Amino acid sequence: ANVSTTLNETAYIVVGREPEEMYK
């Protein structure tokens, strides 16, 4: 995964789906 944001802000990586397997 490649994500970007500004300093002091949150970047999210989300993989999978609920209810099986979701990683955030």
PDBML (XML) file of the C-alpha atoms, coordinates in Angstrom:
<?xml version="1.0" encoding="UTF-8" ?>
<PDBx:datablock datablockName="MODEL"
   xmlns:PDBx="http://pdbml.pdb.org/schema/pdbx-v50.xsd"
   xmlns:xsi="http://www.w3.org/2001/XMLSchema-instance"
   xsi:schemaLocation="http://pdbml.pdb.org/schema/pdbx-v50.xsd pdbx-v50.xsd">
   <PDBx:atom_siteCategory>
      <PDBx:atom_site id="1">
         <PDBx:B_iso_or_equiv>0.00</PDBx:B_iso_or_equiv>
         <PDBx:Cartn_x>0.000</PDBx:Cartn_x>
         <PDBx:Cartn_y>0.000</PDBx:Cartn_y>
         <PDBx:Cartn_z>0.000</PDBx:Cartn_z>
         <PDBx:auth_asym_id>A</PDBx:auth_asym_id>
         <PDBx:auth_atom_id>CA</PDBx:auth_atom_id>
         <PDBx:auth_comp_id>ALA</PDBx:auth_comp_id>
         <PDBx:auth_seq_id>1</PDBx:auth_seq_id>
         <PDBx:group_PDB>ATOM</PDBx:group_PDB>
         <PDBx:label_alt_id xsi:nil="true" />
         <PDBx:label_asym_id>A</PDBx:label_asym_id>
         <PDBx:label_atom_id>CA</PDBx:label_atom_id>
         <PDBx:label_comp_id>ALA</PDBx:label_comp_id>
         <PDBx:label_entity_id>1</PDBx:label_entity_id>
         <PDBx:label_seq_id>1</PDBx:label_seq_id>
         <PDBx:occupancy>1.00</PDBx:occupancy>
         <PDBx:pdbx_PDB_model_num>1</PDBx:pdbx_PDB_model_num>
         <PDBx:type_symbol>C</PDBx:type_symbol>
      </PDBx:atom_site>
      <PDBx:atom_site id="2">
         <PDBx:B_iso_or_equiv>0.00</PDBx:B_iso_or_equiv>
         <PDBx:Cartn_x>1.014</PDBx:Cartn_x>
         <PDBx:Cartn_y>3.608</PDBx:Cartn_y>
         <PDBx:Cartn_z>-0.617</PDBx:Cartn_z>
         <PDBx:auth_asym_id>A</PDBx:auth_asym_id>
         <PDBx:auth_atom_id>CA</PDBx:auth_atom_id>
         <PDBx:auth_comp_id>ASN</PDBx:auth_comp_id>
         <PDBx:auth_seq_id>2</PDBx:auth_seq_id>
         <PDBx:group_PDB>ATOM</PDBx:group_PDB>
         <PDBx:label_alt_id xsi:nil="true" />
         <PDBx:label_asym_id>A</PDBx:label_asym_id>
         <PDBx:label_atom_id>CA</PDBx:label_atom_id>
         <PDBx:label_comp_id>ASN</PDBx:label_comp_id>
         <PDBx:label_entity_id>1</PDBx:label_entity_id>
         <PDBx:label_seq_id>2</PDBx:label_seq_id>
         <PDBx:occupancy>1.00</PDBx:occupancy>
         <PDBx:pdbx_PDB_model_num>1</PDBx:pdbx_PDB_model_num>
         <PDBx:type_symbol>C</PDBx:type_symbol>
      </PDBx:atom_site>
      <PDBx:atom_site id="3">
         <PDBx:B_iso_or_equiv>0.00</PDBx:B_iso_or_equiv>
         <PDBx:Cartn_x>-0.713</PDBx:Cartn_x>
         <PDBx:Cartn_y>6.385</PDBx:Cartn_y>
         <PDBx:Cartn_z>1.300</PDBx:Cartn_z>
         <PDBx:auth_asym_id>A</PDBx:auth_asym_id>
         <PDBx:auth_atom_id>CA</PDBx:auth_atom_id>
         <PDBx:auth_comp_id>VAL</PDBx:auth_comp_id>
         <PDBx:auth_seq_id>3</PDBx:auth_seq_id>
         <PDBx:group_PDB>ATOM</PDBx:group_PDB>
         <PDBx:label_alt_id xsi:nil="true" />
         <PDBx:label_asym_id>A</PDBx:label_asym_id>
         <PDBx:label_atom_id>CA</PDBx:label_atom_id>
         <PDBx:label_comp_id>VAL</PDBx:label_comp_id>
         <PDBx:label_entity_id>1</PDBx:label_entity_id>
         <PDBx:label_seq_id>3</PDBx:label_seq_id>
         <PDBx:occupancy>1.00</PDBx:occupancy>
         <PDBx:pdbx_PDB_model_num>1</PDBx:pdbx_PDB_model_num>
         <PDBx:type_symbol>C</PDBx:type_symbol>
      </PDBx:atom_site>
      <PDBx:atom_site id="4">
         <PDBx:B_iso_or_equiv>0.00</PDBx:B_iso_or_equiv>
         <PDBx:Cartn_x>-0.002</PDBx:Cartn_x>
         <PDBx:Cartn_y>10.040</PDBx:Cartn_y>
         <PDBx:Cartn_z>1.957</PDBx:Cartn_z>
         <PDBx:auth_asym_id>A</PDBx:auth_asym_id>
         <PDBx:auth_atom_id>CA</PDBx:auth_atom_id>
         <PDBx:auth_comp_id>SER</PDBx:auth_comp_id>
         <PDBx:auth_seq_id>4</PDBx:auth_seq_id>
         <PDBx:group_PDB>ATOM</PDBx:group_PDB>
         <PDBx:label_alt_id xsi:nil="true" />
         <PDBx:label_asym_id>A</PDBx:label_asym_id>
         <PDBx:label_atom_id>CA</PDBx:label_atom_id>
         <PDBx:label_comp_id>SER</PDBx:label_comp_id>
         <PDBx:label_entity_id>1</PDBx:label_entity_id>
         <PDBx:label_seq_id>4</PDBx:label_seq_id>
         <PDBx:occupancy>1.00</PDBx:occupancy>
         <PDBx:pdbx_PDB_model_num>1</PDBx:pdbx_PDB_model_num>
         <PDBx:type_symbol>C</PDBx:type_symbol>
      </PDBx:atom_site>
      <PDBx:atom_site id="5">
         <PDBx:B_iso_or_equiv>0.00</PDBx:B_iso_or_equiv>
         <PDBx:Cartn_x>-1.164</PDBx:Cartn_x>
         <PDBx:Cartn_y>12.831</PDBx:Cartn_y>
         <PDBx:Cartn_z>4.216</PDBx:Cartn_z>
         <PDBx:auth_asym_id>A</PDBx:auth_asym_id>
         <PDBx:auth_atom_id>CA</PDBx:auth_atom_id>
         <PDBx:auth_comp_id>THR</PDBx:auth_comp_id>
         <PDBx:auth_seq_id>5</PDBx:auth_seq_id>
         <PDBx:group_PDB>ATOM</PDBx:group_PDB>
         <PDBx:label_alt_id xsi:nil="true" />
         <PDBx:label_asym_id>A</PDBx:label_asym_id>
         <PDBx:label_atom_id>CA</PDBx:label_atom_id>
         <PDBx:label_comp_id>THR</PDBx:label_comp_id>
         <PDBx:label_entity_id>1</PDBx:label_entity_id>
         <PDBx:label_seq_id>5</PDBx:label_seq_id>
         <PDBx:occupancy>1.00</PDBx:occupancy>
         <PDBx:pdbx_PDB_model_num>1</PDBx:pdbx_PDB_model_num>
         <PDBx:type_symbol>C</PDBx:type_symbol>
      </PDBx:atom_site>
      <PDBx:atom_site id="6">
         <PDBx:B_iso_or_equiv>0.00</PDBx:B_iso_or_equiv>
         <PDBx:Cartn_x>0.181</PDBx:Cartn_x>
         <PDBx:Cartn_y>16.034</PDBx:Cartn_y>
         <PDBx:Cartn_z>5.730</PDBx:Cartn_z>
         <PDBx:auth_asym_id>A</PDBx:auth_asym_id>
         <PDBx:auth_atom_id>CA</PDBx:auth_atom_id>
         <PDBx:auth_comp_id>THR</PDBx:auth_comp_id>
         <PDBx:auth_seq_id>6</PDBx:auth_seq_id>
         <PDBx:group_PDB>ATOM</PDBx:group_PDB>
         <PDBx:label_alt_id xsi:nil="true" />
         <PDBx:label_asym_id>A</PDBx:label_asym_id>
         <PDBx:label_atom_id>CA</PDBx:label_atom_id>
         <PDBx:label_comp_id>THR</PDBx:label_comp_id>
         <PDBx:label_entity_id>1</PDBx:label_entity_id>
         <PDBx:label_seq_id>6</PDBx:label_seq_id>
         <PDBx:occupancy>1.00</PDBx:occupancy>
         <PDBx:pdbx_PDB_model_num>1</PDBx:pdbx_PDB_model_num>
         <PDBx:type_symbol>C</PDBx:type_symbol>
      </PDBx:atom_site>
      <PDBx:atom_site id="7">
         <PDBx:B_iso_or_equiv>0.00</PDBx:B_iso_or_equiv>
         <PDBx:Cartn_x>2.335</PDBx:Cartn_x>
         <PDBx:Cartn_y>16.150</PDBx:Cartn_y>
         <PDBx:Cartn_z>8.846</PDBx:Cartn_z>
         <PDBx:auth_asym_id>A</PDBx:auth_asym_id>
         <PDBx:auth_atom_id>CA</PDBx:auth_atom_id>
         <PDBx:auth_comp_id>LEU</PDBx:auth_comp_id>
         <PDBx:auth_seq_id>7</PDBx:auth_seq_id>
         <PDBx:group_PDB>ATOM</PDBx:group_PDB>
         <PDBx:label_alt_id xsi:nil="true" />
         <PDBx:label_asym_id>A</PDBx:label_asym_id>
         <PDBx:label_atom_id>CA</PDBx:label_atom_id>
         <PDBx:label_comp_id>LEU</PDBx:label_comp_id>
         <PDBx:label_entity_id>1</PDBx:label_entity_id>
         <PDBx:label_seq_id>7</PDBx:label_seq_id>
         <PDBx:occupancy>1.00</PDBx:occupancy>
         <PDBx:pdbx_PDB_model_num>1</PDBx:pdbx_PDB_model_num>
         <PDBx:type_symbol>C</PDBx:type_symbol>
      </PDBx:atom_site>
      <PDBx:atom_site id="8">
         <PDBx:B_iso_or_equiv>0.00</PDBx:B_iso_or_equiv>
         <PDBx:Cartn_x>0.389</PDBx:Cartn_x>
         <PDBx:Cartn_y>15.591</PDBx:Cartn_y>
         <PDBx:Cartn_z>12.085</PDBx:Cartn_z>
         <PDBx:auth_asym_id>A</PDBx:auth_asym_id>
         <PDBx:auth_atom_id>CA</PDBx:auth_atom_id>
         <PDBx:auth_comp_id>ASN</PDBx:auth_comp_id>
         <PDBx:auth_seq_id>8</PDBx:auth_seq_id>
         <PDBx:group_PDB>ATOM</PDBx:group_PDB>
         <PDBx:label_alt_id xsi:nil="true" />
         <PDBx:label_asym_id>A</PDBx:label_asym_id>
         <PDBx:label_atom_id>CA</PDBx:label_atom_id>
         <PDBx:label_comp_id>ASN</PDBx:label_comp_id>
         <PDBx:label_entity_id>1</PDBx:label_entity_id>
         <PDBx:label_seq_id>8</PDBx:label_seq_id>
         <PDBx:occupancy>1.00</PDBx:occupancy>
         <PDBx:pdbx_PDB_model_num>1</PDBx:pdbx_PDB_model_num>
         <PDBx:type_symbol>C</PDBx:type_symbol>
      </PDBx:atom_site>
      <PDBx:atom_site id="9">
         <PDBx:B_iso_or_equiv>0.00</PDBx:B_iso_or_equiv>
         <PDBx:Cartn_x>-2.615</PDBx:Cartn_x>
         <PDBx:Cartn_y>14.201</PDBx:Cartn_y>
         <PDBx:Cartn_z>10.175</PDBx:Cartn_z>
         <PDBx:auth_asym_id>A</PDBx:auth_asym_id>
         <PDBx:auth_atom_id>CA</PDBx:auth_atom_id>
         <PDBx:auth_comp_id>GLU</PDBx:auth_comp_id>
         <PDBx:auth_seq_id>9</PDBx:auth_seq_id>
         <PDBx:group_PDB>ATOM</PDBx:group_PDB>
         <PDBx:label_alt_id xsi:nil="true" />
         <PDBx:label_asym_id>A</PDBx:label_asym_id>
         <PDBx:label_atom_id>CA</PDBx:label_atom_id>
         <PDBx:label_comp_id>GLU</PDBx:label_comp_id>
         <PDBx:label_entity_id>1</PDBx:label_entity_id>
         <PDBx:label_seq_id>9</PDBx:label_seq_id>
         <PDBx:occupancy>1.00</PDBx:occupancy>
         <PDBx:pdbx_PDB_model_num>1</PDBx:pdbx_PDB_model_num>
         <PDBx:type_symbol>C</PDBx:type_symbol>
      </PDBx:atom_site>
      <PDBx:atom_site id="10">
         <PDBx:B_iso_or_equiv>0.00</PDBx:B_iso_or_equiv>
         <PDBx:Cartn_x>-3.737</PDBx:Cartn_x>
         <PDBx:Cartn_y>10.564</PDBx:Cartn_y>
         <PDBx:Cartn_z>9.987</PDBx:Cartn_z>
         <PDBx:auth_asym_id>A</PDBx:auth_asym_id>
         <PDBx:auth_atom_id>CA</PDBx:auth_atom_id>
         <PDBx:auth_comp_id>THR</PDBx:auth_comp_id>
         <PDBx:auth_seq_id>10</PDBx:auth_seq_id>
         <PDBx:group_PDB>ATOM</PDBx:group_PDB>
         <PDBx:label_alt_id xsi:nil="true" />
         <PDBx:label_asym_id>A</PDBx:label_asym_id>
         <PDBx:label_atom_id>CA</PDBx:label_atom_id>
         <PDBx:label_comp_id>THR</PDBx:label_comp_id>
         <PDBx:label_entity_id>1</PDBx:label_entity_id>
         <PDBx:label_seq_id>10</PDBx:label_seq_id>
         <PDBx:occupancy>1.00</PDBx:occupancy>
         <PDBx:pdbx_PDB_model_num>1</PDBx:pdbx_PDB_model_num>
         <PDBx:type_symbol>C</PDBx:type_symbol>
      </PDBx:atom_site>
      <PDBx:atom_site id="11">
         <PDBx:B_iso_or_equiv>0.00</PDBx:B_iso_or_equiv>
         <PDBx:Cartn_x>-3.186</PDBx:Cartn_x>
         <PDBx:Cartn_y>8.323</PDBx:Cartn_y>
         <PDBx:Cartn_z>6.952</PDBx:Cartn_z>
         <PDBx:auth_asym_id>A</PDBx:auth_asym_id>
         <PDBx:auth_atom_id>CA</PDBx:auth_atom_id>
         <PDBx:auth_comp_id>ALA</PDBx:auth_comp_id>
         <PDBx:auth_seq_id>11</PDBx:auth_seq_id>
         <PDBx:group_PDB>ATOM</PDBx:group_PDB>
         <PDBx:label_alt_id xsi:nil="true" />
         <PDBx:label_asym_id>A</PDBx:label_asym_id>
         <PDBx:label_atom_id>CA</PDBx:label_atom_id>
         <PDBx:label_comp_id>ALA</PDBx:label_comp_id>
         <PDBx:label_entity_id>1</PDBx:label_entity_id>
         <PDBx:label_seq_id>11</PDBx:label_seq_id>
         <PDBx:occupancy>1.00</PDBx:occupancy>
         <PDBx:pdbx_PDB_model_num>1</PDBx:pdbx_PDB_model_num>
         <PDBx:type_symbol>C</PDBx:type_symbol>
      </PDBx:atom_site>
      <PDBx:atom_site id="12">
         <PDBx:B_iso_or_equiv>0.00</PDBx:B_iso_or_equiv>
         <PDBx:Cartn_x>-5.198</PDBx:Cartn_x>
         <PDBx:Cartn_y>5.095</PDBx:Cartn_y>
         <PDBx:Cartn_z>6.792</PDBx:Cartn_z>
         <PDBx:auth_asym_id>A</PDBx:auth_asym_id>
         <PDBx:auth_atom_id>CA</PDBx:auth_atom_id>
         <PDBx:auth_comp_id>TYR</PDBx:auth_comp_id>
         <PDBx:auth_seq_id>12</PDBx:auth_seq_id>
         <PDBx:group_PDB>ATOM</PDBx:group_PDB>
         <PDBx:label_alt_id xsi:nil="true" />
         <PDBx:label_asym_id>A</PDBx:label_asym_id>
         <PDBx:label_atom_id>CA</PDBx:label_atom_id>
         <PDBx:label_comp_id>TYR</PDBx:label_comp_id>
         <PDBx:label_entity_id>1</PDBx:label_entity_id>
         <PDBx:label_seq_id>12</PDBx:label_seq_id>
         <PDBx:occupancy>1.00</PDBx:occupancy>
         <PDBx:pdbx_PDB_model_num>1</PDBx:pdbx_PDB_model_num>
         <PDBx:type_symbol>C</PDBx:type_symbol>
      </PDBx:atom_site>
      <PDBx:atom_site id="13">
         <PDBx:B_iso_or_equiv>0.00</PDBx:B_iso_or_equiv>
         <PDBx:Cartn_x>-4.493</PDBx:Cartn_x>
         <PDBx:Cartn_y>1.718</PDBx:Cartn_y>
         <PDBx:Cartn_z>5.256</PDBx:Cartn_z>
         <PDBx:auth_asym_id>A</PDBx:auth_asym_id>
         <PDBx:auth_atom_id>CA</PDBx:auth_atom_id>
         <PDBx:auth_comp_id>ILE</PDBx:auth_comp_id>
         <PDBx:auth_seq_id>13</PDBx:auth_seq_id>
         <PDBx:group_PDB>ATOM</PDBx:group_PDB>
         <PDBx:label_alt_id xsi:nil="true" />
         <PDBx:label_asym_id>A</PDBx:label_asym_id>
         <PDBx:label_atom_id>CA</PDBx:label_atom_id>
         <PDBx:label_comp_id>ILE</PDBx:label_comp_id>
         <PDBx:label_entity_id>1</PDBx:label_entity_id>
         <PDBx:label_seq_id>13</PDBx:label_seq_id>
         <PDBx:occupancy>1.00</PDBx:occupancy>
         <PDBx:pdbx_PDB_model_num>1</PDBx:pdbx_PDB_model_num>
         <PDBx:type_symbol>C</PDBx:type_symbol>
      </PDBx:atom_site>
      <PDBx:atom_site id="14">
         <PDBx:B_iso_or_equiv>0.00</PDBx:B_iso_or_equiv>
         <PDBx:Cartn_x>-7.562</PDBx:Cartn_x>
         <PDBx:Cartn_y>-0.515</PDBx:Cartn_y>
         <PDBx:Cartn_z>5.200</PDBx:Cartn_z>
         <PDBx:auth_asym_id>A</PDBx:auth_asym_id>
         <PDBx:auth_atom_id>CA</PDBx:auth_atom_id>
         <PDBx:auth_comp_id>VAL</PDBx:auth_comp_id>
         <PDBx:auth_seq_id>14</PDBx:auth_seq_id>
         <PDBx:group_PDB>ATOM</PDBx:group_PDB>
         <PDBx:label_alt_id xsi:nil="true" />
         <PDBx:label_asym_id>A</PDBx:label_asym_id>
         <PDBx:label_atom_id>CA</PDBx:label_atom_id>
         <PDBx:label_comp_id>VAL</PDBx:label_comp_id>
         <PDBx:label_entity_id>1</PDBx:label_entity_id>
         <PDBx:label_seq_id>14</PDBx:label_seq_id>
         <PDBx:occupancy>1.00</PDBx:occupancy>
         <PDBx:pdbx_PDB_model_num>1</PDBx:pdbx_PDB_model_num>
         <PDBx:type_symbol>C</PDBx:type_symbol>
      </PDBx:atom_site>
      <PDBx:atom_site id="15">
         <PDBx:B_iso_or_equiv>0.00</PDBx:B_iso_or_equiv>
         <PDBx:Cartn_x>-7.422</PDBx:Cartn_x>
         <PDBx:Cartn_y>-4.057</PDBx:Cartn_y>
         <PDBx:Cartn_z>3.861</PDBx:Cartn_z>
         <PDBx:auth_asym_id>A</PDBx:auth_asym_id>
         <PDBx:auth_atom_id>CA</PDBx:auth_atom_id>
         <PDBx:auth_comp_id>VAL</PDBx:auth_comp_id>
         <PDBx:auth_seq_id>15</PDBx:auth_seq_id>
         <PDBx:group_PDB>ATOM</PDBx:group_PDB>
         <PDBx:label_alt_id xsi:nil="true" />
         <PDBx:label_asym_id>A</PDBx:label_asym_id>
         <PDBx:label_atom_id>CA</PDBx:label_atom_id>
         <PDBx:label_comp_id>VAL</PDBx:label_comp_id>
         <PDBx:label_entity_id>1</PDBx:label_entity_id>
         <PDBx:label_seq_id>15</PDBx:label_seq_id>
         <PDBx:occupancy>1.00</PDBx:occupancy>
         <PDBx:pdbx_PDB_model_num>1</PDBx:pdbx_PDB_model_num>
         <PDBx:type_symbol>C</PDBx:type_symbol>
      </PDBx:atom_site>
      <PDBx:atom_site id="16">
         <PDBx:B_iso_or_equiv>0.00</PDBx:B_iso_or_equiv>
         <PDBx:Cartn_x>-10.195</PDBx:Cartn_x>
         <PDBx:Cartn_y>-6.638</PDBx:Cartn_y>
         <PDBx:Cartn_z>3.834</PDBx:Cartn_z>
         <PDBx:auth_asym_id>A</PDBx:auth_asym_id>
         <PDBx:auth_atom_id>CA</PDBx:auth_atom_id>
         <PDBx:auth_comp_id>GLY</PDBx:auth_comp_id>
         <PDBx:auth_seq_id>16</PDBx:auth_seq_id>
         <PDBx:group_PDB>ATOM</PDBx:group_PDB>
         <PDBx:label_alt_id xsi:nil="true" />
         <PDBx:label_asym_id>A</PDBx:label_asym_id>
         <PDBx:label_atom_id>CA</PDBx:label_atom_id>
         <PDBx:label_comp_id>GLY</PDBx:label_comp_id>
         <PDBx:label_entity_id>1</PDBx:label_entity_id>
         <PDBx:label_seq_id>16</PDBx:label_seq_id>
         <PDBx:occupancy>1.00</PDBx:occupancy>
         <PDBx:pdbx_PDB_model_num>1</PDBx:pdbx_PDB_model_num>
         <PDBx:type_symbol>C</PDBx:type_symbol>
      </PDBx:atom_site>
      <PDBx:atom_site id="17">
         <PDBx:B_iso_or_equiv>0.00</PDBx:B_iso_or_equiv>
         <PDBx:Cartn_x>-13.843</PDBx:Cartn_x>
         <PDBx:Cartn_y>-6.465</PDBx:Cartn_y>
         <PDBx:Cartn_z>4.816</PDBx:Cartn_z>
         <PDBx:auth_asym_id>A</PDBx:auth_asym_id>
         <PDBx:auth_atom_id>CA</PDBx:auth_atom_id>
         <PDBx:auth_comp_id>ARG</PDBx:auth_comp_id>
         <PDBx:auth_seq_id>17</PDBx:auth_seq_id>
         <PDBx:group_PDB>ATOM</PDBx:group_PDB>
         <PDBx:label_alt_id xsi:nil="true" />
         <PDBx:label_asym_id>A</PDBx:label_asym_id>
         <PDBx:label_atom_id>CA</PDBx:label_atom_id>
         <PDBx:label_comp_id>ARG</PDBx:label_comp_id>
         <PDBx:label_entity_id>1</PDBx:label_entity_id>
         <PDBx:label_seq_id>17</PDBx:label_seq_id>
         <PDBx:occupancy>1.00</PDBx:occupancy>
         <PDBx:pdbx_PDB_model_num>1</PDBx:pdbx_PDB_model_num>
         <PDBx:type_symbol>C</PDBx:type_symbol>
      </PDBx:atom_site>
      <PDBx:atom_site id="18">
         <PDBx:B_iso_or_equiv>0.00</PDBx:B_iso_or_equiv>
         <PDBx:Cartn_x>-15.956</PDBx:Cartn_x>
         <PDBx:Cartn_y>-6.868</PDBx:Cartn_y>
         <PDBx:Cartn_z>7.873</PDBx:Cartn_z>
         <PDBx:auth_asym_id>A</PDBx:auth_asym_id>
         <PDBx:auth_atom_id>CA</PDBx:auth_atom_id>
         <PDBx:auth_comp_id>GLU</PDBx:auth_comp_id>
         <PDBx:auth_seq_id>18</PDBx:auth_seq_id>
         <PDBx:group_PDB>ATOM</PDBx:group_PDB>
         <PDBx:label_alt_id xsi:nil="true" />
         <PDBx:label_asym_id>A</PDBx:label_asym_id>
         <PDBx:label_atom_id>CA</PDBx:label_atom_id>
         <PDBx:label_comp_id>GLU</PDBx:label_comp_id>
         <PDBx:label_entity_id>1</PDBx:label_entity_id>
         <PDBx:label_seq_id>18</PDBx:label_seq_id>
         <PDBx:occupancy>1.00</PDBx:occupancy>
         <PDBx:pdbx_PDB_model_num>1</PDBx:pdbx_PDB_model_num>
         <PDBx:type_symbol>C</PDBx:type_symbol>
      </PDBx:atom_site>
      <PDBx:atom_site id="19">
         <PDBx:B_iso_or_equiv>0.00</PDBx:B_iso_or_equiv>
         <PDBx:Cartn_x>-17.039</PDBx:Cartn_x>
         <PDBx:Cartn_y>-9.191</PDBx:Cartn_y>
         <PDBx:Cartn_z>9.387</PDBx:Cartn_z>
         <PDBx:auth_asym_id>A</PDBx:auth_asym_id>
         <PDBx:auth_atom_id>CA</PDBx:auth_atom_id>
         <PDBx:auth_comp_id>PRO</PDBx:auth_comp_id>
         <PDBx:auth_seq_id>19</PDBx:auth_seq_id>
         <PDBx:group_PDB>ATOM</PDBx:group_PDB>
         <PDBx:label_alt_id xsi:nil="true" />
         <PDBx:label_asym_id>A</PDBx:label_asym_id>
         <PDBx:label_atom_id>CA</PDBx:label_atom_id>
         <PDBx:label_comp_id>PRO</PDBx:label_comp_id>
         <PDBx:label_entity_id>1</PDBx:label_entity_id>
         <PDBx:label_seq_id>19</PDBx:label_seq_id>
         <PDBx:occupancy>1.00</PDBx:occupancy>
         <PDBx:pdbx_PDB_model_num>1</PDBx:pdbx_PDB_model_num>
         <PDBx:type_symbol>C</PDBx:type_symbol>
      </PDBx:atom_site>
      <PDBx:atom_site id="20">
         <PDBx:B_iso_or_equiv>0.00</PDBx:B_iso_or_equiv>
         <PDBx:Cartn_x>-14.433</PDBx:Cartn_x>
         <PDBx:Cartn_y>-11.662</PDBx:Cartn_y>
         <PDBx:Cartn_z>8.081</PDBx:Cartn_z>
         <PDBx:auth_asym_id>A</PDBx:auth_asym_id>
         <PDBx:auth_atom_id>CA</PDBx:auth_atom_id>
         <PDBx:auth_comp_id>GLU</PDBx:auth_comp_id>
         <PDBx:auth_seq_id>20</PDBx:auth_seq_id>
         <PDBx:group_PDB>ATOM</PDBx:group_PDB>
         <PDBx:label_alt_id xsi:nil="true" />
         <PDBx:label_asym_id>A</PDBx:label_asym_id>
         <PDBx:label_atom_id>CA</PDBx:label_atom_id>
         <PDBx:label_comp_id>GLU</PDBx:label_comp_id>
         <PDBx:label_entity_id>1</PDBx:label_entity_id>
         <PDBx:label_seq_id>20</PDBx:label_seq_id>
         <PDBx:occupancy>1.00</PDBx:occupancy>
         <PDBx:pdbx_PDB_model_num>1</PDBx:pdbx_PDB_model_num>
         <PDBx:type_symbol>C</PDBx:type_symbol>
      </PDBx:atom_site>
      <PDBx:atom_site id="21">
         <PDBx:B_iso_or_equiv>0.00</PDBx:B_iso_or_equiv>
         <PDBx:Cartn_x>-10.997</PDBx:Cartn_x>
         <PDBx:Cartn_y>-10.038</PDBx:Cartn_y>
         <PDBx:Cartn_z>8.251</PDBx:Cartn_z>
         <PDBx:auth_asym_id>A</PDBx:auth_asym_id>
         <PDBx:auth_atom_id>CA</PDBx:auth_atom_id>
         <PDBx:auth_comp_id>GLU</PDBx:auth_comp_id>
         <PDBx:auth_seq_id>21</PDBx:auth_seq_id>
         <PDBx:group_PDB>ATOM</PDBx:group_PDB>
         <PDBx:label_alt_id xsi:nil="true" />
         <PDBx:label_asym_id>A</PDBx:label_asym_id>
         <PDBx:label_atom_id>CA</PDBx:label_atom_id>
         <PDBx:label_comp_id>GLU</PDBx:label_comp_id>
         <PDBx:label_entity_id>1</PDBx:label_entity_id>
         <PDBx:label_seq_id>21</PDBx:label_seq_id>
         <PDBx:occupancy>1.00</PDBx:occupancy>
         <PDBx:pdbx_PDB_model_num>1</PDBx:pdbx_PDB_model_num>
         <PDBx:type_symbol>C</PDBx:type_symbol>
      </PDBx:atom_site>
      <PDBx:atom_site id="22">
         <PDBx:B_iso_or_equiv>0.00</PDBx:B_iso_or_equiv>
         <PDBx:Cartn_x>-10.492</PDBx:Cartn_x>
         <PDBx:Cartn_y>-6.312</PDBx:Cartn_y>
         <PDBx:Cartn_z>8.224</PDBx:Cartn_z>
         <PDBx:auth_asym_id>A</PDBx:auth_asym_id>
         <PDBx:auth_atom_id>CA</PDBx:auth_atom_id>
         <PDBx:auth_comp_id>MET</PDBx:auth_comp_id>
         <PDBx:auth_seq_id>22</PDBx:auth_seq_id>
         <PDBx:group_PDB>ATOM</PDBx:group_PDB>
         <PDBx:label_alt_id xsi:nil="true" />
         <PDBx:label_asym_id>A</PDBx:label_asym_id>
         <PDBx:label_atom_id>CA</PDBx:label_atom_id>
         <PDBx:label_comp_id>MET</PDBx:label_comp_id>
         <PDBx:label_entity_id>1</PDBx:label_entity_id>
         <PDBx:label_seq_id>22</PDBx:label_seq_id>
         <PDBx:occupancy>1.00</PDBx:occupancy>
         <PDBx:pdbx_PDB_model_num>1</PDBx:pdbx_PDB_model_num>
         <PDBx:type_symbol>C</PDBx:type_symbol>
      </PDBx:atom_site>
      <PDBx:atom_site id="23">
         <PDBx:B_iso_or_equiv>0.00</PDBx:B_iso_or_equiv>
         <PDBx:Cartn_x>-7.125</PDBx:Cartn_x>
         <PDBx:Cartn_y>-4.777</PDBx:Cartn_y>
         <PDBx:Cartn_z>9.000</PDBx:Cartn_z>
         <PDBx:auth_asym_id>A</PDBx:auth_asym_id>
         <PDBx:auth_atom_id>CA</PDBx:auth_atom_id>
         <PDBx:auth_comp_id>TYR</PDBx:auth_comp_id>
         <PDBx:auth_seq_id>23</PDBx:auth_seq_id>
         <PDBx:group_PDB>ATOM</PDBx:group_PDB>
         <PDBx:label_alt_id xsi:nil="true" />
         <PDBx:label_asym_id>A</PDBx:label_asym_id>
         <PDBx:label_atom_id>CA</PDBx:label_atom_id>
         <PDBx:label_comp_id>TYR</PDBx:label_comp_id>
         <PDBx:label_entity_id>1</PDBx:label_entity_id>
         <PDBx:label_seq_id>23</PDBx:label_seq_id>
         <PDBx:occupancy>1.00</PDBx:occupancy>
         <PDBx:pdbx_PDB_model_num>1</PDBx:pdbx_PDB_model_num>
         <PDBx:type_symbol>C</PDBx:type_symbol>
      </PDBx:atom_site>
      <PDBx:atom_site id="24">
         <PDBx:B_iso_or_equiv>0.00</PDBx:B_iso_or_equiv>
         <PDBx:Cartn_x>-6.892</PDBx:Cartn_x>
         <PDBx:Cartn_y>-1.025</PDBx:Cartn_y>
         <PDBx:Cartn_z>9.534</PDBx:Cartn_z>
         <PDBx:auth_asym_id>A</PDBx:auth_asym_id>
         <PDBx:auth_atom_id>CA</PDBx:auth_atom_id>
         <PDBx:auth_comp_id>LYS</PDBx:auth_comp_id>
         <PDBx:auth_seq_id>24</PDBx:auth_seq_id>
         <PDBx:group_PDB>ATOM</PDBx:group_PDB>
         <PDBx:label_alt_id xsi:nil="true" />
         <PDBx:label_asym_id>A</PDBx:label_asym_id>
         <PDBx:label_atom_id>CA</PDBx:label_atom_id>
         <PDBx:label_comp_id>LYS</PDBx:label_comp_id>
         <PDBx:label_entity_id>1</PDBx:label_entity_id>
         <PDBx:label_seq_id>24</PDBx:label_seq_id>
         <PDBx:occupancy>1.00</PDBx:occupancy>
         <PDBx:pdbx_PDB_model_num>1</PDBx:pdbx_PDB_model_num>
         <PDBx:type_symbol>C</PDBx:type_symbol>
      </PDBx:atom_site>
   </PDBx:atom_siteCategory>
</PDBx:datablock>
